[in-house]
Amino acid sequence: MYTPRTFAQVLKSAWRRPRAKLVRVPDNAVKIFEQQPPAWARWALVLVSVDVMVSTSAVDIIWNTWTMPDPELEENGGTKKSPPRDESNKGNIFQVVPPGQVLQPEWKRALSGSFFIVSGFIVAGSILAARARIVRSISYVRATPGVPSSIYLQTASQGMKFGHAYPIRQSVLLPSSQDQMMLEVKEHGKWVLDMRGSKIGNRLASPERTAARSAMLKLWKSVDGSTVASKTPKPV
């Protein structure tokens, strides 16, 4: 389960777009971690669609149906002079105004509608940005002459054969919660690894939380990965 602290860390990094280019994962890459993204990440586009529909519907309701008692009726004791025929037909056909009511001032409706539009954008952006920080898999490629060892990071928002490449010496794996670990790449932010039901080194992780995290840390260290956060970058 994603704790508020973990979610806050993910969102903080999510707004920082990765500088590494999206590349195809080499055929000789070895998967050291694999996990199916959570349901909300897999259905992120559906959630965004629902968010858009809710936001636009709220704006429509506010603009066309938000009314208040007619001030003129209150001033005249419940009676109101009928408007001329040419003015009575100017109303919007989508506006629903009960007898004795008038629409709220335009500035009020516009302000309230803007709140829902901005909120909708924030929610949709947060869903898509956070999805990009949920790790689907990590693949490892050994160093070759002139090229340091690296990892290929694939997230819930990418295809199965593409990912971002980072030098492993700039990557740090740290515990985050009982069920999760956090991968941090210098100048690129953080990603979440969910250990529940994951595969570590192509083997199903132990259901015991401590054992699963220990196995991941052991494998990570075996490929020269760091487990100590440091402000000083390691030499490449």
C-alpha atoms as a PDB file:
ATOM      1  CA  MET A   1       0.000   0.000   0.000  1.00  0.00           C
ATOM      2  CA  TYR A   2       1.287   3.448  -0.871  1.00  0.00           C
ATOM      3  CA  THR A   3       1.834   5.475   2.278  1.00  0.00           C
ATOM      4  CA  PRO A   4       1.347   9.267   2.275  1.00  0.00           C
ATOM      5  CA  ARG A   5       5.119   9.715   2.671  1.00  0.00           C
ATOM      6  CA  THR A   6       5.864   7.459  -0.304  1.00  0.00           C
ATOM      7  CA  PHE A   7       3.202   9.092  -2.446  1.00  0.00           C
ATOM      8  CA  ALA A   8       4.555  12.549  -1.583  1.00  0.00           C
ATOM      9  CA  GLN A   9       8.074  11.498  -2.568  1.00  0.00           C
ATOM     10  CA  VAL A  10       6.820  10.025  -5.824  1.00  0.00           C
ATOM     11  CA  LEU A  11       4.833  13.141  -6.724  1.00  0.00           C
ATOM     12  CA  LYS A  12       7.768  15.379  -5.913  1.00  0.00           C
ATOM     13  CA  SER A  13       9.909  13.452  -8.373  1.00  0.00           C
ATOM     14  CA  ALA A  14       7.094  12.906 -10.852  1.00  0.00           C
ATOM     15  CA  TRP A  15       6.950  16.529 -11.944  1.00  0.00           C
ATOM     16  CA  ARG A  16      10.633  16.358 -12.845  1.00  0.00           C
ATOM     17  CA  ARG A  17      10.766  14.840 -16.321  1.00  0.00           C
ATOM     18  CA  PRO A  18      13.579  12.300 -16.824  1.00  0.00           C
ATOM     19  CA  ARG A  19      16.437  13.731 -18.813  1.00  0.00           C
ATOM     20  CA  ALA A  20      17.418  10.332 -20.154  1.00  0.00           C
ATOM     21  CA  LYS A  21      15.959   9.476 -23.546  1.00  0.00           C
ATOM     22  CA  LEU A  22      13.511   6.631 -23.979  1.00  0.00           C
ATOM     23  CA  VAL A  23      15.465   3.817 -25.632  1.00  0.00           C
ATOM     24  CA  ARG A  24      14.932   0.203 -26.532  1.00  0.00           C
ATOM     25  CA  VAL A  25      16.105  -2.244 -23.875  1.00  0.00           C
ATOM     26  CA  PRO A  26      19.037  -4.313 -25.258  1.00  0.00           C
ATOM     27  CA  ASP A  27      18.516  -8.011 -25.842  1.00  0.00           C
ATOM     28  CA  ASN A  28      21.434  -8.828 -23.548  1.00  0.00           C
ATOM     29  CA  ALA A  29      19.900  -6.971 -20.600  1.00  0.00           C
ATOM     30  CA  VAL A  30      19.175  -9.127 -17.560  1.00  0.00           C
ATOM     31  CA  LYS A  31      16.036  -8.388 -15.543  1.00  0.00           C
ATOM     32  CA  ILE A  32      16.794  -8.037 -11.869  1.00  0.00           C
ATOM     33  CA  PHE A  33      13.353  -6.788 -10.856  1.00  0.00           C
ATOM     34  CA  GLU A  34       9.876  -7.123 -12.340  1.00  0.00           C
ATOM     35  CA  GLN A  35       6.476  -6.220 -10.989  1.00  0.00           C
ATOM     36  CA  GLN A  36       3.009  -5.706 -12.442  1.00  0.00           C
ATOM     37  CA  PRO A  37       1.955  -2.066 -11.876  1.00  0.00           C
ATOM     38  CA  PRO A  38      -0.956  -1.472  -9.484  1.00  0.00           C
ATOM     39  CA  ALA A  39      -4.476  -1.328 -10.881  1.00  0.00           C
ATOM     40  CA  TRP A  40      -4.730   2.469 -10.712  1.00  0.00           C
ATOM     41  CA  ALA A  41      -1.548   2.798 -12.802  1.00  0.00           C
ATOM     42  CA  ARG A  42      -2.743   0.288 -15.409  1.00  0.00           C
ATOM     43  CA  TRP A  43      -6.097   2.066 -15.696  1.00  0.00           C
ATOM     44  CA  ALA A  44      -4.664   5.573 -15.431  1.00  0.00           C
ATOM     45  CA  LEU A  45      -6.093   6.732 -18.772  1.00  0.00           C
ATOM     46  CA  VAL A  46      -9.566   5.576 -17.709  1.00  0.00           C
ATOM     47  CA  LEU A  47      -9.223   7.465 -14.422  1.00  0.00           C
ATOM     48  CA  VAL A  48      -8.147  10.576 -16.309  1.00  0.00           C
ATOM     49  CA  SER A  49     -11.159  10.242 -18.620  1.00  0.00           C
ATOM     50  CA  VAL A  50     -13.488   9.995 -15.621  1.00  0.00           C
ATOM     51  CA  ASP A  51     -11.764  12.991 -14.047  1.00  0.00           C
ATOM     52  CA  VAL A  52     -12.311  15.031 -17.222  1.00  0.00           C
ATOM     53  CA  MET A  53     -15.998  14.043 -17.378  1.00  0.00           C
ATOM     54  CA  VAL A  54     -16.566  14.897 -13.713  1.00  0.00           C
ATOM     55  CA  SER A  55     -14.827  18.265 -14.046  1.00  0.00           C
ATOM     56  CA  THR A  56     -16.675  19.305 -17.215  1.00  0.00           C
ATOM     57  CA  SER A  57     -20.010  18.118 -15.802  1.00  0.00           C
ATOM     58  CA  ALA A  58     -19.450  20.158 -12.645  1.00  0.00           C
ATOM     59  CA  VAL A  59     -18.691  23.254 -14.717  1.00  0.00           C
ATOM     60  CA  ASP A  60     -21.814  22.679 -16.826  1.00  0.00           C
ATOM     61  CA  ILE A  61     -24.016  22.297 -13.738  1.00  0.00           C
ATOM     62  CA  ILE A  62     -22.552  25.385 -12.083  1.00  0.00           C
ATOM     63  CA  TRP A  63     -22.856  27.572 -15.174  1.00  0.00           C
ATOM     64  CA  ASN A  64     -26.371  26.524 -16.198  1.00  0.00           C
ATOM     65  CA  THR A  65     -28.204  25.623 -12.977  1.00  0.00           C
ATOM     66  CA  TRP A  66     -26.640  27.506 -10.038  1.00  0.00           C
ATOM     67  CA  THR A  67     -29.387  29.901  -9.033  1.00  0.00           C
ATOM     68  CA  MET A  68     -30.448  32.200  -6.220  1.00  0.00           C
ATOM     69  CA  PRO A  69     -33.747  33.830  -5.208  1.00  0.00           C
ATOM     70  CA  ASP A  70     -34.734  36.605  -7.598  1.00  0.00           C
ATOM     71  CA  PRO A  71     -33.887  39.918  -5.832  1.00  0.00           C
ATOM     72  CA  GLU A  72     -36.560  41.752  -7.811  1.00  0.00           C
ATOM     73  CA  LEU A  73     -39.271  39.431  -6.479  1.00  0.00           C
ATOM     74  CA  GLU A  74     -38.136  40.015  -2.923  1.00  0.00           C
ATOM     75  CA  GLU A  75     -38.187  43.774  -3.420  1.00  0.00           C
ATOM     76  CA  ASN A  76     -41.652  43.781  -5.005  1.00  0.00           C
ATOM     77  CA  GLY A  77     -43.274  41.376  -2.563  1.00  0.00           C
ATOM     78  CA  GLY A  78     -43.327  38.338  -4.853  1.00  0.00           C
ATOM     79  CA  THR A  79     -44.431  40.049  -8.064  1.00  0.00           C
ATOM     80  CA  LYS A  80     -42.283  40.791 -11.062  1.00  0.00           C
ATOM     81  CA  LYS A  81     -42.983  42.678 -14.228  1.00  0.00           C
ATOM     82  CA  SER A  82     -42.835  40.388 -17.263  1.00  0.00           C
ATOM     83  CA  PRO A  83     -39.954  41.245 -19.610  1.00  0.00           C
ATOM     84  CA  PRO A  84     -40.670  42.262 -23.205  1.00  0.00           C
ATOM     85  CA  ARG A  85     -41.009  39.387 -25.673  1.00  0.00           C
ATOM     86  CA  ASP A  86     -37.720  40.161 -27.459  1.00  0.00           C
ATOM     87  CA  GLU A  87     -35.827  39.907 -24.137  1.00  0.00           C
ATOM     88  CA  SER A  88     -37.577  36.812 -22.788  1.00  0.00           C
ATOM     89  CA  ASN A  89     -36.179  34.621 -25.582  1.00  0.00           C
ATOM     90  CA  LYS A  90     -32.521  35.388 -24.942  1.00  0.00           C
ATOM     91  CA  GLY A  91     -31.980  32.618 -22.372  1.00  0.00           C
ATOM     92  CA  ASN A  92     -29.701  29.679 -23.062  1.00  0.00           C
ATOM     93  CA  ILE A  93     -31.656  26.514 -23.852  1.00  0.00           C
ATOM     94  CA  PHE A  94     -29.304  24.559 -21.574  1.00  0.00           C
ATOM     95  CA  GLN A  95     -29.946  26.782 -18.569  1.00  0.00           C
ATOM     96  CA  VAL A  96     -32.441  25.467 -16.019  1.00  0.00           C
ATOM     97  CA  VAL A  97     -33.884  28.269 -13.916  1.00  0.00           C
ATOM     98  CA  PRO A  98     -36.835  27.425 -11.593  1.00  0.00           C
ATOM     99  CA  PRO A  99     -39.646  29.993 -11.142  1.00  0.00           C
ATOM    100  CA  GLY A 100     -38.687  32.700  -8.679  1.00  0.00           C
ATOM    101  CA  GLN A 101     -34.977  32.063  -9.215  1.00  0.00           C
ATOM    102  CA  VAL A 102     -32.245  33.685 -11.271  1.00  0.00           C
ATOM    103  CA  LEU A 103     -28.771  32.503 -12.172  1.00  0.00           C
ATOM    104  CA  GLN A 104     -25.913  33.527  -9.955  1.00  0.00           C
ATOM    105  CA  PRO A 105     -23.755  36.397 -11.293  1.00  0.00           C
ATOM    106  CA  GLU A 106     -21.448  35.334 -14.104  1.00  0.00           C
ATOM    107  CA  TRP A 107     -18.308  36.113 -12.125  1.00  0.00           C
ATOM    108  CA  LYS A 108     -19.387  33.753  -9.341  1.00  0.00           C
ATOM    109  CA  ARG A 109     -20.171  30.931 -11.748  1.00  0.00           C
ATOM    110  CA  ALA A 110     -16.949  31.495 -13.671  1.00  0.00           C
ATOM    111  CA  LEU A 111     -14.875  31.497 -10.486  1.00  0.00           C
ATOM    112  CA  SER A 112     -16.469  28.304  -9.184  1.00  0.00           C
ATOM    113  CA  GLY A 113     -16.147  26.617 -12.561  1.00  0.00           C
ATOM    114  CA  SER A 114     -12.483  27.580 -12.742  1.00  0.00           C
ATOM    115  CA  PHE A 115     -11.911  25.844  -9.418  1.00  0.00           C
ATOM    116  CA  PHE A 116     -13.188  22.538 -10.816  1.00  0.00           C
ATOM    117  CA  ILE A 117     -11.199  22.929 -14.045  1.00  0.00           C
ATOM    118  CA  VAL A 118      -7.949  23.600 -12.187  1.00  0.00           C
ATOM    119  CA  SER A 119      -8.642  20.767  -9.736  1.00  0.00           C
ATOM    120  CA  GLY A 120      -9.327  18.412 -12.622  1.00  0.00           C
ATOM    121  CA  PHE A 121      -6.045  19.314 -14.304  1.00  0.00           C
ATOM    122  CA  ILE A 122      -4.133  18.791 -11.053  1.00  0.00           C
ATOM    123  CA  VAL A 123      -5.710  15.385 -10.419  1.00  0.00           C
ATOM    124  CA  ALA A 124      -5.173  14.197 -14.010  1.00  0.00           C
ATOM    125  CA  GLY A 125      -1.602  15.476 -14.074  1.00  0.00           C
ATOM    126  CA  SER A 126      -0.812  13.850 -10.734  1.00  0.00           C
ATOM    127  CA  ILE A 127      -2.151  10.475 -11.885  1.00  0.00           C
ATOM    128  CA  LEU A 128      -0.128  10.502 -15.102  1.00  0.00           C
ATOM    129  CA  ALA A 129       3.002  11.862 -13.448  1.00  0.00           C
ATOM    130  CA  ALA A 130       2.890   9.394 -10.551  1.00  0.00           C
ATOM    131  CA  ARG A 131       2.330   6.504 -12.964  1.00  0.00           C
ATOM    132  CA  ALA A 132       5.639   7.382 -14.599  1.00  0.00           C
ATOM    133  CA  ARG A 133       7.383   6.745 -11.254  1.00  0.00           C
ATOM    134  CA  ILE A 134       6.014   3.251 -10.655  1.00  0.00           C
ATOM    135  CA  VAL A 135       8.655   0.702 -11.648  1.00  0.00           C
ATOM    136  CA  ARG A 136       7.573  -2.104 -13.976  1.00  0.00           C
ATOM    137  CA  SER A 137      11.035  -3.627 -14.337  1.00  0.00           C
ATOM    138  CA  ILE A 138      14.743  -2.969 -13.917  1.00  0.00           C
ATOM    139  CA  SER A 139      17.212  -4.583 -16.317  1.00  0.00           C
ATOM    140  CA  TYR A 140      20.972  -4.697 -15.913  1.00  0.00           C
ATOM    141  CA  VAL A 141      23.653  -4.517 -18.608  1.00  0.00           C
ATOM    142  CA  ARG A 142      27.274  -5.299 -17.776  1.00  0.00           C
ATOM    143  CA  ALA A 143      30.016  -2.825 -18.506  1.00  0.00           C
ATOM    144  CA  THR A 144      31.850  -2.996 -21.811  1.00  0.00           C
ATOM    145  CA  PRO A 145      35.096  -1.259 -22.826  1.00  0.00           C
ATOM    146  CA  GLY A 146      34.399   2.471 -22.646  1.00  0.00           C
ATOM    147  CA  VAL A 147      30.793   1.993 -21.455  1.00  0.00           C
ATOM    148  CA  PRO A 148      29.976   1.666 -17.730  1.00  0.00           C
ATOM    149  CA  SER A 149      27.440  -0.827 -16.415  1.00  0.00           C
ATOM    150  CA  SER A 150      23.922   0.546 -16.489  1.00  0.00           C
ATOM    151  CA  ILE A 151      20.295  -0.170 -15.674  1.00  0.00           C
ATOM    152  CA  TYR A 152      17.269   0.166 -17.917  1.00  0.00           C
ATOM    153  CA  LEU A 153      14.312   1.430 -15.938  1.00  0.00           C
ATOM    154  CA  GLN A 154      10.828   0.664 -17.267  1.00  0.00           C
ATOM    155  CA  THR A 155       7.775   2.261 -15.677  1.00  0.00           C
ATOM    156  CA  ALA A 156       4.021   1.779 -15.813  1.00  0.00           C
ATOM    157  CA  SER A 157       3.710   4.492 -18.465  1.00  0.00           C
ATOM    158  CA  GLN A 158       6.071   2.872 -20.979  1.00  0.00           C
ATOM    159  CA  GLY A 159       5.935  -0.013 -23.400  1.00  0.00           C
ATOM    160  CA  MET A 160       7.361  -3.398 -22.497  1.00  0.00           C
ATOM    161  CA  LYS A 161      10.470  -3.025 -24.690  1.00  0.00           C
ATOM    162  CA  PHE A 162      11.468   0.572 -23.903  1.00  0.00           C
ATOM    163  CA  GLY A 163      12.953   2.300 -20.901  1.00  0.00           C
ATOM    164  CA  HIS A 164      15.354   4.925 -19.574  1.00  0.00           C
ATOM    165  CA  ALA A 165      19.043   4.060 -19.241  1.00  0.00           C
ATOM    166  CA  TYR A 166      21.031   5.247 -16.215  1.00  0.00           C
ATOM    167  CA  PRO A 167      24.574   4.463 -14.989  1.00  0.00           C
ATOM    168  CA  ILE A 168      24.227   2.083 -12.079  1.00  0.00           C
ATOM    169  CA  ARG A 169      26.888   3.969 -10.107  1.00  0.00           C
ATOM    170  CA  GLN A 170      24.553   6.967 -10.011  1.00  0.00           C
ATOM    171  CA  SER A 171      21.649   4.859  -8.726  1.00  0.00           C
ATOM    172  CA  VAL A 172      20.824   4.123  -5.094  1.00  0.00           C
ATOM    173  CA  LEU A 173      18.328   1.559  -3.785  1.00  0.00           C
ATOM    174  CA  LEU A 174      16.839   2.332  -0.384  1.00  0.00           C
ATOM    175  CA  PRO A 175      14.074   0.867   1.825  1.00  0.00           C
ATOM    176  CA  SER A 176      10.906   2.961   1.799  1.00  0.00           C
ATOM    177  CA  SER A 177       8.205   1.047   3.678  1.00  0.00           C
ATOM    178  CA  GLN A 178       7.476  -2.544   4.667  1.00  0.00           C
ATOM    179  CA  ASP A 179       6.290  -3.424   1.156  1.00  0.00           C
ATOM    180  CA  GLN A 180       8.284  -0.996  -0.983  1.00  0.00           C
ATOM    181  CA  MET A 181      11.724   0.191  -1.878  1.00  0.00           C
ATOM    182  CA  MET A 182      12.822   3.453  -3.436  1.00  0.00           C
ATOM    183  CA  LEU A 183      15.226   3.773  -6.348  1.00  0.00           C
ATOM    184  CA  GLU A 184      16.929   7.148  -6.568  1.00  0.00           C
ATOM    185  CA  VAL A 185      18.976   8.276  -9.560  1.00  0.00           C
ATOM    186  CA  LYS A 186      21.085  11.382  -9.156  1.00  0.00           C
ATOM    187  CA  GLU A 187      19.473  14.441 -10.802  1.00  0.00           C
ATOM    188  CA  HIS A 188      16.535  12.343 -12.013  1.00  0.00           C
ATOM    189  CA  GLY A 189      14.474  11.758  -8.885  1.00  0.00           C
ATOM    190  CA  LYS A 190      12.923   8.685  -7.273  1.00  0.00           C
ATOM    191  CA  TRP A 191      10.933   5.638  -8.353  1.00  0.00           C
ATOM    192  CA  VAL A 192       8.888   3.150  -6.315  1.00  0.00           C
ATOM    193  CA  LEU A 193       9.473  -0.617  -6.312  1.00  0.00           C
ATOM    194  CA  ASP A 194       6.558  -2.622  -4.919  1.00  0.00           C
ATOM    195  CA  MET A 195       7.938  -5.872  -3.511  1.00  0.00           C
ATOM    196  CA  ARG A 196       4.600  -7.670  -3.120  1.00  0.00           C
ATOM    197  CA  GLY A 197       4.270 -10.389  -5.735  1.00  0.00           C
ATOM    198  CA  SER A 198       7.351  -9.150  -7.582  1.00  0.00           C
ATOM    199  CA  LYS A 199      10.055 -11.145  -9.339  1.00  0.00           C
ATOM    200  CA  ILE A 200      13.644 -10.684  -8.212  1.00  0.00           C
ATOM    201  CA  GLY A 201      16.205 -12.118 -10.576  1.00  0.00           C
ATOM    202  CA  ASN A 202      13.416 -13.909 -12.483  1.00  0.00           C
ATOM    203  CA  ARG A 203      12.303 -15.632  -9.295  1.00  0.00           C
ATOM    204  CA  LEU A 204       9.100 -14.933  -7.416  1.00  0.00           C
ATOM    205  CA  ALA A 205       9.887 -12.872  -4.341  1.00  0.00           C
ATOM    206  CA  SER A 206       9.262 -14.285  -0.900  1.00  0.00           C
ATOM    207  CA  PRO A 207       5.899 -13.296   0.623  1.00  0.00           C
ATOM    208  CA  GLU A 208       7.850 -12.434   3.767  1.00  0.00           C
ATOM    209  CA  ARG A 209       8.537  -8.695   3.485  1.00  0.00           C
ATOM    210  CA  THR A 210      11.953  -8.631   5.112  1.00  0.00           C
ATOM    211  CA  ALA A 211      13.169 -11.596   3.067  1.00  0.00           C
ATOM    212  CA  ALA A 212      11.981 -10.004  -0.200  1.00  0.00           C
ATOM    213  CA  ARG A 213      13.736  -6.735   0.526  1.00  0.00           C
ATOM    214  CA  SER A 214      16.901  -8.528   1.623  1.00  0.00           C
ATOM    215  CA  ALA A 215      16.923 -10.555  -1.608  1.00  0.00           C
ATOM    216  CA  MET A 216      16.549  -7.402  -3.687  1.00  0.00           C
ATOM    217  CA  LEU A 217      19.314  -5.608  -1.803  1.00  0.00           C
ATOM    218  CA  LYS A 218      21.623  -8.618  -2.151  1.00  0.00           C
ATOM    219  CA  LEU A 219      21.037  -8.808  -5.904  1.00  0.00           C
ATOM    220  CA  TRP A 220      21.438  -5.055  -6.250  1.00  0.00           C
ATOM    221  CA  LYS A 221      24.788  -5.108  -4.466  1.00  0.00           C
ATOM    222  CA  SER A 222      25.939  -8.020  -6.629  1.00  0.00           C
ATOM    223  CA  VAL A 223      25.667  -5.797  -9.725  1.00  0.00           C
ATOM    224  CA  ASP A 224      27.619  -3.022  -7.984  1.00  0.00           C
ATOM    225  CA  GLY A 225      24.549  -1.011  -7.033  1.00  0.00           C
ATOM    226  CA  SER A 226      24.703   1.349  -4.066  1.00  0.00           C
ATOM    227  CA  THR A 227      22.443   1.204  -1.008  1.00  0.00           C
ATOM    228  CA  VAL A 228      23.790   4.319   0.706  1.00  0.00           C
ATOM    229  CA  ALA A 229      22.298   7.701  -0.089  1.00  0.00           C
ATOM    230  CA  SER A 230      24.959  10.320  -0.709  1.00  0.00           C
ATOM    231  CA  LYS A 231      25.002  13.876  -1.952  1.00  0.00           C
ATOM    232  CA  THR A 232      28.336  13.242  -3.619  1.00  0.00           C
ATOM    233  CA  PRO A 233      27.992  11.433  -6.953  1.00  0.00           C
ATOM    234  CA  LYS A 234      30.019   8.301  -7.495  1.00  0.00           C
ATOM    235  CA  PRO A 235      32.627   8.404 -10.238  1.00  0.00           C
ATOM    236  CA  VAL A 236      31.451   6.876 -13.480  1.00  0.00           C
END
